[in-house]
Amino acid sequence: MKYFTIVVGILLLITGIADLSVGIWYYQILRWIVCICSGILAYQFYAEQSKLFILYLCIVILFNPVAQIYLGKELWKIADIITALTFIPAVFWKNKK
């Protein structure tokens, strides 16, 4: 799970920083991946009785691929960067315990 979280964080950073000219399929796949990864992290933090599970639960809701939340391109870039910055510390938090 550690490497998966790192890869998702890097993908989100690239998406947030770069102006990619890819099709909508990339963003749909990214939504699924981020939603699944956030759901797993939320479950793990909930099992540890850490309050960080609320953060990852909010990310699951934001990146939900079924009931989508529509934001503008600039807002999604900001959301991608903030989400990426929450994934990278999660890796080190989980390894410390």
PDB file of N, CA and C in Angstrom:
ATOM      1  N   MET A   1       0.828  -1.192   0.000  1.00  0.00           N
ATOM      2  CA  MET A   1       0.000   0.000   0.000  1.00  0.00           C
ATOM      3  C   MET A   1       0.871   1.254   0.000  1.00  0.00           C
ATOM      4  N   LYS A   2       2.073   1.150   0.582  1.00  0.00           N
ATOM      5  CA  LYS A   2       2.957   2.299   0.687  1.00  0.00           C
ATOM      6  C   LYS A   2       3.319   2.839  -0.698  1.00  0.00           C
ATOM      7  N   TYR A   3       3.724   1.962  -1.592  1.00  0.00           N
ATOM      8  CA  TYR A   3       4.140   2.399  -2.928  1.00  0.00           C
ATOM      9  C   TYR A   3       2.953   2.890  -3.748  1.00  0.00           C
ATOM     10  N   PHE A   4       1.803   2.268  -3.566  1.00  0.00           N
ATOM     11  CA  PHE A   4       0.593   2.699  -4.263  1.00  0.00           C
ATOM     12  C   PHE A   4       0.228   4.125  -3.859  1.00  0.00           C
ATOM     13  N   THR A   5       0.337   4.423  -2.580  1.00  0.00           N
ATOM     14  CA  THR A   5       0.031   5.761  -2.083  1.00  0.00           C
ATOM     15  C   THR A   5       1.025   6.788  -2.629  1.00  0.00           C
ATOM     16  N   ILE A   6       2.289   6.420  -2.700  1.00  0.00           N
ATOM     17  CA  ILE A   6       3.296   7.325  -3.250  1.00  0.00           C
ATOM     18  C   ILE A   6       3.018   7.609  -4.722  1.00  0.00           C
ATOM     19  N   VAL A   7       2.696   6.575  -5.482  1.00  0.00           N
ATOM     20  CA  VAL A   7       2.405   6.749  -6.918  1.00  0.00           C
ATOM     21  C   VAL A   7       1.180   7.633  -7.112  1.00  0.00           C
ATOM     22  N   VAL A   8       0.144   7.421  -6.327  1.00  0.00           N
ATOM     23  CA  VAL A   8      -1.063   8.244  -6.440  1.00  0.00           C
ATOM     24  C   VAL A   8      -0.748   9.697  -6.090  1.00  0.00           C
ATOM     25  N   GLY A   9       0.056   9.916  -5.059  1.00  0.00           N
ATOM     26  CA  GLY A   9       0.453  11.272  -4.697  1.00  0.00           C
ATOM     27  C   GLY A   9       1.226  11.953  -5.813  1.00  0.00           C
ATOM     28  N   ILE A  10       2.129  11.221  -6.459  1.00  0.00           N
ATOM     29  CA  ILE A  10       2.898  11.784  -7.570  1.00  0.00           C
ATOM     30  C   ILE A  10       1.990  12.089  -8.758  1.00  0.00           C
ATOM     31  N   LEU A  11       1.069  11.179  -9.067  1.00  0.00           N
ATOM     32  CA  LEU A  11       0.126  11.438 -10.167  1.00  0.00           C
ATOM     33  C   LEU A  11      -0.711  12.683  -9.904  1.00  0.00           C
ATOM     34  N   LEU A  12      -1.152  12.847  -8.670  1.00  0.00           N
ATOM     35  CA  LEU A  12      -1.938  14.033  -8.330  1.00  0.00           C
ATOM     36  C   LEU A  12      -1.101  15.308  -8.423  1.00  0.00           C
ATOM     37  N   LEU A  13       0.142  15.239  -7.996  1.00  0.00           N
ATOM     38  CA  LEU A  13       1.014  16.408  -8.109  1.00  0.00           C
ATOM     39  C   LEU A  13       1.237  16.786  -9.568  1.00  0.00           C
ATOM     40  N   ILE A  14       1.491  15.792 -10.406  1.00  0.00           N
ATOM     41  CA  ILE A  14       1.686  16.060 -11.835  1.00  0.00           C
ATOM     42  C   ILE A  14       0.426  16.654 -12.433  1.00  0.00           C
ATOM     43  N   THR A  15      -0.711  16.116 -12.075  1.00  0.00           N
ATOM     44  CA  THR A  15      -1.972  16.622 -12.606  1.00  0.00           C
ATOM     45  C   THR A  15      -2.236  18.042 -12.129  1.00  0.00           C
ATOM     46  N   GLY A  16      -1.899  18.336 -10.883  1.00  0.00           N
ATOM     47  CA  GLY A  16      -2.143  19.666 -10.339  1.00  0.00           C
ATOM     48  C   GLY A  16      -1.193  20.720 -10.849  1.00  0.00           C
ATOM     49  N   ILE A  17       0.052  20.333 -11.108  1.00  0.00           N
ATOM     50  CA  ILE A  17       1.054  21.309 -11.525  1.00  0.00           C
ATOM     51  C   ILE A  17       1.086  21.492 -13.035  1.00  0.00           C
ATOM     52  N   ALA A  18       1.114  20.400 -13.766  1.00  0.00           N
ATOM     53  CA  ALA A  18       1.246  20.470 -15.221  1.00  0.00           C
ATOM     54  C   ALA A  18      -0.101  20.734 -15.882  1.00  0.00           C
ATOM     55  N   ASP A  19      -0.051  21.326 -17.036  1.00  0.00           N
ATOM     56  CA  ASP A  19      -1.272  21.537 -17.825  1.00  0.00           C
ATOM     57  C   ASP A  19      -1.348  20.415 -18.851  1.00  0.00           C
ATOM     58  N   LEU A  20      -1.938  19.303 -18.435  1.00  0.00           N
ATOM     59  CA  LEU A  20      -1.991  18.118 -19.286  1.00  0.00           C
ATOM     60  C   LEU A  20      -3.090  18.239 -20.328  1.00  0.00           C
ATOM     61  N   SER A  21      -2.781  17.796 -21.513  1.00  0.00           N
ATOM     62  CA  SER A  21      -3.803  17.779 -22.564  1.00  0.00           C
ATOM     63  C   SER A  21      -4.134  16.324 -22.875  1.00  0.00           C
ATOM     64  N   VAL A  22      -4.682  15.662 -21.879  1.00  0.00           N
ATOM     65  CA  VAL A  22      -5.109  14.270 -22.030  1.00  0.00           C
ATOM     66  C   VAL A  22      -6.631  14.236 -22.053  1.00  0.00           C
ATOM     67  N   GLY A  23      -7.136  13.116 -22.444  1.00  0.00           N
ATOM     68  CA  GLY A  23      -8.583  12.978 -22.520  1.00  0.00           C
ATOM     69  C   GLY A  23      -9.225  12.855 -21.150  1.00  0.00           C
ATOM     70  N   ILE A  24     -10.522  12.871 -21.150  1.00  0.00           N
ATOM     71  CA  ILE A  24     -11.289  12.769 -19.905  1.00  0.00           C
ATOM     72  C   ILE A  24     -11.068  11.413 -19.232  1.00  0.00           C
ATOM     73  N   TRP A  25     -10.658  10.417 -20.005  1.00  0.00           N
ATOM     74  CA  TRP A  25     -10.431   9.084 -19.458  1.00  0.00           C
ATOM     75  C   TRP A  25      -9.369   9.117 -18.356  1.00  0.00           C
ATOM     76  N   TYR A  26      -8.347   9.954 -18.507  1.00  0.00           N
ATOM     77  CA  TYR A  26      -7.279  10.052 -17.503  1.00  0.00           C
ATOM     78  C   TYR A  26      -7.846  10.521 -16.164  1.00  0.00           C
ATOM     79  N   TYR A  27      -8.678  11.535 -16.215  1.00  0.00           N
ATOM     80  CA  TYR A  27      -9.237  12.085 -14.985  1.00  0.00           C
ATOM     81  C   TYR A  27     -10.235  11.121 -14.346  1.00  0.00           C
ATOM     82  N   GLN A  28     -10.965  10.380 -15.169  1.00  0.00           N
ATOM     83  CA  GLN A  28     -11.889   9.390 -14.623  1.00  0.00           C
ATOM     84  C   GLN A  28     -11.139   8.258 -13.923  1.00  0.00           C
ATOM     85  N   ILE A  29     -10.067   7.779 -14.545  1.00  0.00           N
ATOM     86  CA  ILE A  29      -9.258   6.727 -13.922  1.00  0.00           C
ATOM     87  C   ILE A  29      -8.606   7.255 -12.649  1.00  0.00           C
ATOM     88  N   LEU A  30      -8.128   8.488 -12.707  1.00  0.00           N
ATOM     89  CA  LEU A  30      -7.507   9.093 -11.530  1.00  0.00           C
ATOM     90  C   LEU A  30      -8.510   9.215 -10.380  1.00  0.00           C
ATOM     91  N   ARG A  31      -9.745   9.565 -10.693  1.00  0.00           N
ATOM     92  CA  ARG A  31     -10.788   9.630  -9.658  1.00  0.00           C
ATOM     93  C   ARG A  31     -10.978   8.282  -8.978  1.00  0.00           C
ATOM     94  N   TRP A  32     -11.057   7.217  -9.780  1.00  0.00           N
ATOM     95  CA  TRP A  32     -11.230   5.879  -9.217  1.00  0.00           C
ATOM     96  C   TRP A  32     -10.044   5.508  -8.329  1.00  0.00           C
ATOM     97  N   ILE A  33      -8.840   5.767  -8.816  1.00  0.00           N
ATOM     98  CA  ILE A  33      -7.641   5.399  -8.069  1.00  0.00           C
ATOM     99  C   ILE A  33      -7.554   6.179  -6.754  1.00  0.00           C
ATOM    100  N   VAL A  34      -7.786   7.482  -6.807  1.00  0.00           N
ATOM    101  CA  VAL A  34      -7.713   8.312  -5.604  1.00  0.00           C
ATOM    102  C   VAL A  34      -8.813   7.921  -4.623  1.00  0.00           C
ATOM    103  N   CYS A  35      -9.988   7.643  -5.120  1.00  0.00           N
ATOM    104  CA  CYS A  35     -11.098   7.254  -4.254  1.00  0.00           C
ATOM    105  C   CYS A  35     -10.788   5.937  -3.535  1.00  0.00           C
ATOM    106  N   ILE A  36     -10.256   4.976  -4.259  1.00  0.00           N
ATOM    107  CA  ILE A  36      -9.926   3.677  -3.654  1.00  0.00           C
ATOM    108  C   ILE A  36      -8.802   3.832  -2.632  1.00  0.00           C
ATOM    109  N   CYS A  37      -7.753   4.550  -3.006  1.00  0.00           N
ATOM    110  CA  CYS A  37      -6.618   4.739  -2.102  1.00  0.00           C
ATOM    111  C   CYS A  37      -7.042   5.503  -0.846  1.00  0.00           C
ATOM    112  N   SER A  38      -7.852   6.530  -1.003  1.00  0.00           N
ATOM    113  CA  SER A  38      -8.330   7.295   0.147  1.00  0.00           C
ATOM    114  C   SER A  38      -9.244   6.454   1.031  1.00  0.00           C
ATOM    115  N   GLY A  39     -10.047   5.620   0.417  1.00  0.00           N
ATOM    116  CA  GLY A  39     -10.916   4.736   1.189  1.00  0.00           C
ATOM    117  C   GLY A  39     -10.125   3.752   2.032  1.00  0.00           C
ATOM    118  N   ILE A  40      -9.057   3.211   1.458  1.00  0.00           N
ATOM    119  CA  ILE A  40      -8.202   2.285   2.205  1.00  0.00           C
ATOM    120  C   ILE A  40      -7.511   3.012   3.357  1.00  0.00           C
ATOM    121  N   LEU A  41      -6.991   4.210   3.074  1.00  0.00           N
ATOM    122  CA  LEU A  41      -6.339   4.981   4.134  1.00  0.00           C
ATOM    123  C   LEU A  41      -7.338   5.374   5.226  1.00  0.00           C
ATOM    124  N   ALA A  42      -8.542   5.754   4.835  1.00  0.00           N
ATOM    125  CA  ALA A  42      -9.560   6.115   5.823  1.00  0.00           C
ATOM    126  C   ALA A  42      -9.873   4.919   6.717  1.00  0.00           C
ATOM    127  N   TYR A  43      -9.988   3.748   6.121  1.00  0.00           N
ATOM    128  CA  TYR A  43     -10.264   2.544   6.897  1.00  0.00           C
ATOM    129  C   TYR A  43      -9.117   2.233   7.863  1.00  0.00           C
ATOM    130  N   GLN A  44      -7.879   2.353   7.378  1.00  0.00           N
ATOM    131  CA  GLN A  44      -6.734   2.060   8.230  1.00  0.00           C
ATOM    132  C   GLN A  44      -6.631   3.044   9.395  1.00  0.00           C
ATOM    133  N   PHE A  45      -6.860   4.318   9.121  1.00  0.00           N
ATOM    134  CA  PHE A  45      -6.805   5.299  10.210  1.00  0.00           C
ATOM    135  C   PHE A  45      -7.991   5.134  11.170  1.00  0.00           C
ATOM    136  N   TYR A  46      -9.132   4.706  10.659  1.00  0.00           N
ATOM    137  CA  TYR A  46     -10.280   4.452  11.525  1.00  0.00           C
ATOM    138  C   TYR A  46      -9.983   3.268  12.444  1.00  0.00           C
ATOM    139  N   ALA A  47      -9.334   2.234  11.898  1.00  0.00           N
ATOM    140  CA  ALA A  47      -8.992   1.067  12.702  1.00  0.00           C
ATOM    141  C   ALA A  47      -7.991   1.421  13.797  1.00  0.00           C
ATOM    142  N   GLU A  48      -7.135   2.410  13.533  1.00  0.00           N
ATOM    143  CA  GLU A  48      -6.179   2.866  14.537  1.00  0.00           C
ATOM    144  C   GLU A  48      -6.794   3.891  15.493  1.00  0.00           C
ATOM    145  N   GLN A  49      -8.034   4.218  15.284  1.00  0.00           N
ATOM    146  CA  GLN A  49      -8.756   5.227  16.058  1.00  0.00           C
ATOM    147  C   GLN A  49      -8.069   6.589  15.974  1.00  0.00           C
ATOM    148  N   SER A  50      -7.585   6.894  14.779  1.00  0.00           N
ATOM    149  CA  SER A  50      -6.969   8.199  14.527  1.00  0.00           C
ATOM    150  C   SER A  50      -8.010   9.107  13.878  1.00  0.00           C
ATOM    151  N   LYS A  51      -7.957  10.375  14.216  1.00  0.00           N
ATOM    152  CA  LYS A  51      -8.919  11.319  13.653  1.00  0.00           C
ATOM    153  C   LYS A  51      -8.589  11.697  12.214  1.00  0.00           C
ATOM    154  N   LEU A  52      -7.461  11.217  11.702  1.00  0.00           N
ATOM    155  CA  LEU A  52      -7.115  11.485  10.305  1.00  0.00           C
ATOM    156  C   LEU A  52      -8.065  10.795   9.328  1.00  0.00           C
ATOM    157  N   PHE A  53      -8.821   9.822   9.809  1.00  0.00           N
ATOM    158  CA  PHE A  53      -9.748   9.143   8.906  1.00  0.00           C
ATOM    159  C   PHE A  53     -10.788  10.109   8.351  1.00  0.00           C
ATOM    160  N   ILE A  54     -11.105  11.169   9.084  1.00  0.00           N
ATOM    161  CA  ILE A  54     -12.076  12.156   8.599  1.00  0.00           C
ATOM    162  C   ILE A  54     -11.534  12.864   7.364  1.00  0.00           C
ATOM    163  N   LEU A  55     -10.234  13.188   7.367  1.00  0.00           N
ATOM    164  CA  LEU A  55      -9.606  13.828   6.212  1.00  0.00           C
ATOM    165  C   LEU A  55      -9.723  12.952   4.973  1.00  0.00           C
ATOM    166  N   TYR A  56      -9.397  11.679   5.107  1.00  0.00           N
ATOM    167  CA  TYR A  56      -9.434  10.781   3.954  1.00  0.00           C
ATOM    168  C   TYR A  56     -10.862  10.427   3.545  1.00  0.00           C
ATOM    169  N   LEU A  57     -11.772  10.471   4.482  1.00  0.00           N
ATOM    170  CA  LEU A  57     -13.186  10.291   4.143  1.00  0.00           C
ATOM    171  C   LEU A  57     -13.684  11.468   3.295  1.00  0.00           C
ATOM    172  N   CYS A  58     -13.240  12.679   3.620  1.00  0.00           N
ATOM    173  CA  CYS A  58     -13.591  13.852   2.809  1.00  0.00           C
ATOM    174  C   CYS A  58     -13.002  13.747   1.408  1.00  0.00           C
ATOM    175  N   ILE A  59     -11.789  13.201   1.296  1.00  0.00           N
ATOM    176  CA  ILE A  59     -11.180  13.012  -0.022  1.00  0.00           C
ATOM    177  C   ILE A  59     -11.960  11.984  -0.820  1.00  0.00           C
ATOM    178  N   VAL A  60     -12.433  10.933  -0.159  1.00  0.00           N
ATOM    179  CA  VAL A  60     -13.270   9.933  -0.849  1.00  0.00           C
ATOM    180  C   VAL A  60     -14.520  10.594  -1.408  1.00  0.00           C
ATOM    181  N   ILE A  61     -15.142  11.452  -0.642  1.00  0.00           N
ATOM    182  CA  ILE A  61     -16.356  12.129  -1.096  1.00  0.00           C
ATOM    183  C   ILE A  61     -16.049  13.067  -2.250  1.00  0.00           C
ATOM    184  N   LEU A  62     -14.941  13.806  -2.174  1.00  0.00           N
ATOM    185  CA  LEU A  62     -14.586  14.746  -3.232  1.00  0.00           C
ATOM    186  C   LEU A  62     -14.249  14.049  -4.541  1.00  0.00           C
ATOM    187  N   PHE A  63     -13.537  12.939  -4.476  1.00  0.00           N
ATOM    188  CA  PHE A  63     -13.100  12.240  -5.680  1.00  0.00           C
ATOM    189  C   PHE A  63     -14.012  11.070  -6.048  1.00  0.00           C
ATOM    190  N   ASN A  64     -15.196  11.018  -5.480  1.00  0.00           N
ATOM    191  CA  ASN A  64     -16.139   9.939  -5.762  1.00  0.00           C
ATOM    192  C   ASN A  64     -16.458   9.900  -7.258  1.00  0.00           C
ATOM    193  N   PRO A  65     -16.163   8.779  -7.932  1.00  0.00           N
ATOM    194  CA  PRO A  65     -16.408   8.709  -9.377  1.00  0.00           C
ATOM    195  C   PRO A  65     -17.871   8.450  -9.744  1.00  0.00           C
ATOM    196  N   VAL A  66     -18.676   8.011  -8.800  1.00  0.00           N
ATOM    197  CA  VAL A  66     -20.069   7.694  -9.105  1.00  0.00           C
ATOM    198  C   VAL A  66     -20.949   8.931  -8.967  1.00  0.00           C
ATOM    199  N   ALA A  67     -20.899   9.572  -7.813  1.00  0.00           N
ATOM    200  CA  ALA A  67     -21.655  10.810  -7.584  1.00  0.00           C
ATOM    201  C   ALA A  67     -20.655  11.955  -7.625  1.00  0.00           C
ATOM    202  N   GLN A  68     -20.344  12.410  -8.812  1.00  0.00           N
ATOM    203  CA  GLN A  68     -19.253  13.352  -9.014  1.00  0.00           C
ATOM    204  C   GLN A  68     -19.594  14.761  -8.539  1.00  0.00           C
ATOM    205  N   ILE A  69     -18.565  15.418  -8.031  1.00  0.00           N
ATOM    206  CA  ILE A  69     -18.653  16.832  -7.683  1.00  0.00           C
ATOM    207  C   ILE A  69     -17.952  17.587  -8.803  1.00  0.00           C
ATOM    208  N   TYR A  70     -18.635  18.543  -9.400  1.00  0.00           N
ATOM    209  CA  TYR A  70     -18.080  19.276 -10.525  1.00  0.00           C
ATOM    210  C   TYR A  70     -17.481  20.592 -10.052  1.00  0.00           C
ATOM    211  N   LEU A  71     -16.191  20.726 -10.271  1.00  0.00           N
ATOM    212  CA  LEU A  71     -15.477  21.953  -9.951  1.00  0.00           C
ATOM    213  C   LEU A  71     -14.828  22.461 -11.240  1.00  0.00           C
ATOM    214  N   GLY A  72     -14.425  23.694 -11.243  1.00  0.00           N
ATOM    215  CA  GLY A  72     -13.707  24.225 -12.389  1.00  0.00           C
ATOM    216  C   GLY A  72     -12.300  23.645 -12.464  1.00  0.00           C
ATOM    217  N   LYS A  73     -11.646  23.858 -13.584  1.00  0.00           N
ATOM    218  CA  LYS A  73     -10.315  23.295 -13.811  1.00  0.00           C
ATOM    219  C   LYS A  73      -9.315  23.797 -12.776  1.00  0.00           C
ATOM    220  N   GLU A  74      -9.367  25.064 -12.454  1.00  0.00           N
ATOM    221  CA  GLU A  74      -8.420  25.630 -11.491  1.00  0.00           C
ATOM    222  C   GLU A  74      -8.668  25.087 -10.082  1.00  0.00           C
ATOM    223  N   LEU A  75      -9.926  24.913  -9.716  1.00  0.00           N
ATOM    224  CA  LEU A  75     -10.223  24.353  -8.397  1.00  0.00           C
ATOM    225  C   LEU A  75      -9.778  22.897  -8.290  1.00  0.00           C
ATOM    226  N   TRP A  76      -9.906  22.150  -9.389  1.00  0.00           N
ATOM    227  CA  TRP A  76      -9.449  20.769  -9.376  1.00  0.00           C
ATOM    228  C   TRP A  76      -7.932  20.705  -9.254  1.00  0.00           C
ATOM    229  N   LYS A  77      -7.227  21.643  -9.877  1.00  0.00           N
ATOM    230  CA  LYS A  77      -5.770  21.665  -9.747  1.00  0.00           C
ATOM    231  C   LYS A  77      -5.369  21.893  -8.295  1.00  0.00           C
ATOM    232  N   ILE A  78      -6.041  22.807  -7.634  1.00  0.00           N
ATOM    233  CA  ILE A  78      -5.760  23.068  -6.222  1.00  0.00           C
ATOM    234  C   ILE A  78      -6.102  21.838  -5.379  1.00  0.00           C
ATOM    235  N   ALA A  79      -7.237  21.222  -5.652  1.00  0.00           N
ATOM    236  CA  ALA A  79      -7.639  20.017  -4.910  1.00  0.00           C
ATOM    237  C   ALA A  79      -6.646  18.882  -5.137  1.00  0.00           C
ATOM    238  N   ASP A  80      -6.144  18.741  -6.359  1.00  0.00           N
ATOM    239  CA  ASP A  80      -5.161  17.693  -6.649  1.00  0.00           C
ATOM    240  C   ASP A  80      -3.874  17.907  -5.862  1.00  0.00           C
ATOM    241  N   ILE A  81      -3.400  19.139  -5.816  1.00  0.00           N
ATOM    242  CA  ILE A  81      -2.155  19.427  -5.102  1.00  0.00           C
ATOM    243  C   ILE A  81      -2.324  19.209  -3.604  1.00  0.00           C
ATOM    244  N   ILE A  82      -3.415  19.687  -3.041  1.00  0.00           N
ATOM    245  CA  ILE A  82      -3.650  19.512  -1.604  1.00  0.00           C
ATOM    246  C   ILE A  82      -3.801  18.032  -1.261  1.00  0.00           C
ATOM    247  N   THR A  83      -4.502  17.297  -2.095  1.00  0.00           N
ATOM    248  CA  THR A  83      -4.678  15.867  -1.856  1.00  0.00           C
ATOM    249  C   THR A  83      -3.352  15.136  -1.950  1.00  0.00           C
ATOM    250  N   ALA A  84      -2.533  15.493  -2.930  1.00  0.00           N
ATOM    251  CA  ALA A  84      -1.209  14.868  -3.057  1.00  0.00           C
ATOM    252  C   ALA A  84      -0.369  15.140  -1.820  1.00  0.00           C
ATOM    253  N   LEU A  85      -0.474  16.343  -1.300  1.00  0.00           N
ATOM    254  CA  LEU A  85       0.301  16.693  -0.110  1.00  0.00           C
ATOM    255  C   LEU A  85      -0.209  15.986   1.139  1.00  0.00           C
ATOM    256  N   THR A  86      -1.424  15.476   1.125  1.00  0.00           N
ATOM    257  CA  THR A  86      -1.919  14.691   2.261  1.00  0.00           C
ATOM    258  C   THR A  86      -1.551  13.215   2.129  1.00  0.00           C
ATOM    259  N   PHE A  87      -1.333  12.747   0.885  1.00  0.00           N
ATOM    260  CA  PHE A  87      -0.983  11.334   0.690  1.00  0.00           C
ATOM    261  C   PHE A  87       0.461  11.044   1.095  1.00  0.00           C
ATOM    262  N   ILE A  88       1.363  11.949   0.799  1.00  0.00           N
ATOM    263  CA  ILE A  88       2.771  11.683   1.051  1.00  0.00           C
ATOM    264  C   ILE A  88       3.066  11.552   2.551  1.00  0.00           C
ATOM    265  N   PRO A  89       2.555  12.436   3.424  1.00  0.00           N
ATOM    266  CA  PRO A  89       2.785  12.211   4.863  1.00  0.00           C
ATOM    267  C   PRO A  89       2.087  10.953   5.398  1.00  0.00           C
ATOM    268  N   ALA A  90       1.018  10.526   4.760  1.00  0.00           N
ATOM    269  CA  ALA A  90       0.313   9.324   5.212  1.00  0.00           C
ATOM    270  C   ALA A  90       1.212   8.107   5.120  1.00  0.00           C
ATOM    271  N   VAL A  91       2.081   8.073   4.126  1.00  0.00           N
ATOM    272  CA  VAL A  91       3.003   6.942   3.973  1.00  0.00           C
ATOM    273  C   VAL A  91       3.939   6.873   5.171  1.00  0.00           C
ATOM    274  N   PHE A  92       4.487   8.012   5.567  1.00  0.00           N
ATOM    275  CA  PHE A  92       5.428   8.027   6.672  1.00  0.00           C
ATOM    276  C   PHE A  92       4.722   7.832   8.006  1.00  0.00           C
ATOM    277  N   TRP A  93       3.491   8.299   8.106  1.00  0.00           N
ATOM    278  CA  TRP A  93       2.714   8.105   9.332  1.00  0.00           C
ATOM    279  C   TRP A  93       2.446   6.625   9.554  1.00  0.00           C
ATOM    280  N   LYS A  94       2.055   5.929   8.476  1.00  0.00           N
ATOM    281  CA  LYS A  94       1.749   4.505   8.589  1.00  0.00           C
ATOM    282  C   LYS A  94       2.998   3.691   8.885  1.00  0.00           C
ATOM    283  N   ASN A  95       4.156   4.094   8.370  1.00  0.00           N
ATOM    284  CA  ASN A  95       5.392   3.337   8.609  1.00  0.00           C
ATOM    285  C   ASN A  95       5.932   3.556  10.020  1.00  0.00           C
ATOM    286  N   LYS A  96       5.603   4.691  10.614  1.00  0.00           N
ATOM    287  CA  LYS A  96       6.091   5.003  11.945  1.00  0.00           C
ATOM    288  C   LYS A  96       5.403   4.134  12.998  1.00  0.00           C
ATOM    289  N   LYS A  97       4.186   3.750  12.742  1.00  0.00           N
ATOM    290  CA  LYS A  97       3.404   2.994  13.733  1.00  0.00           C
ATOM    291  C   LYS A  97       3.713   1.514  13.660  1.00  0.00           C
TER     292      LYS A  97
END
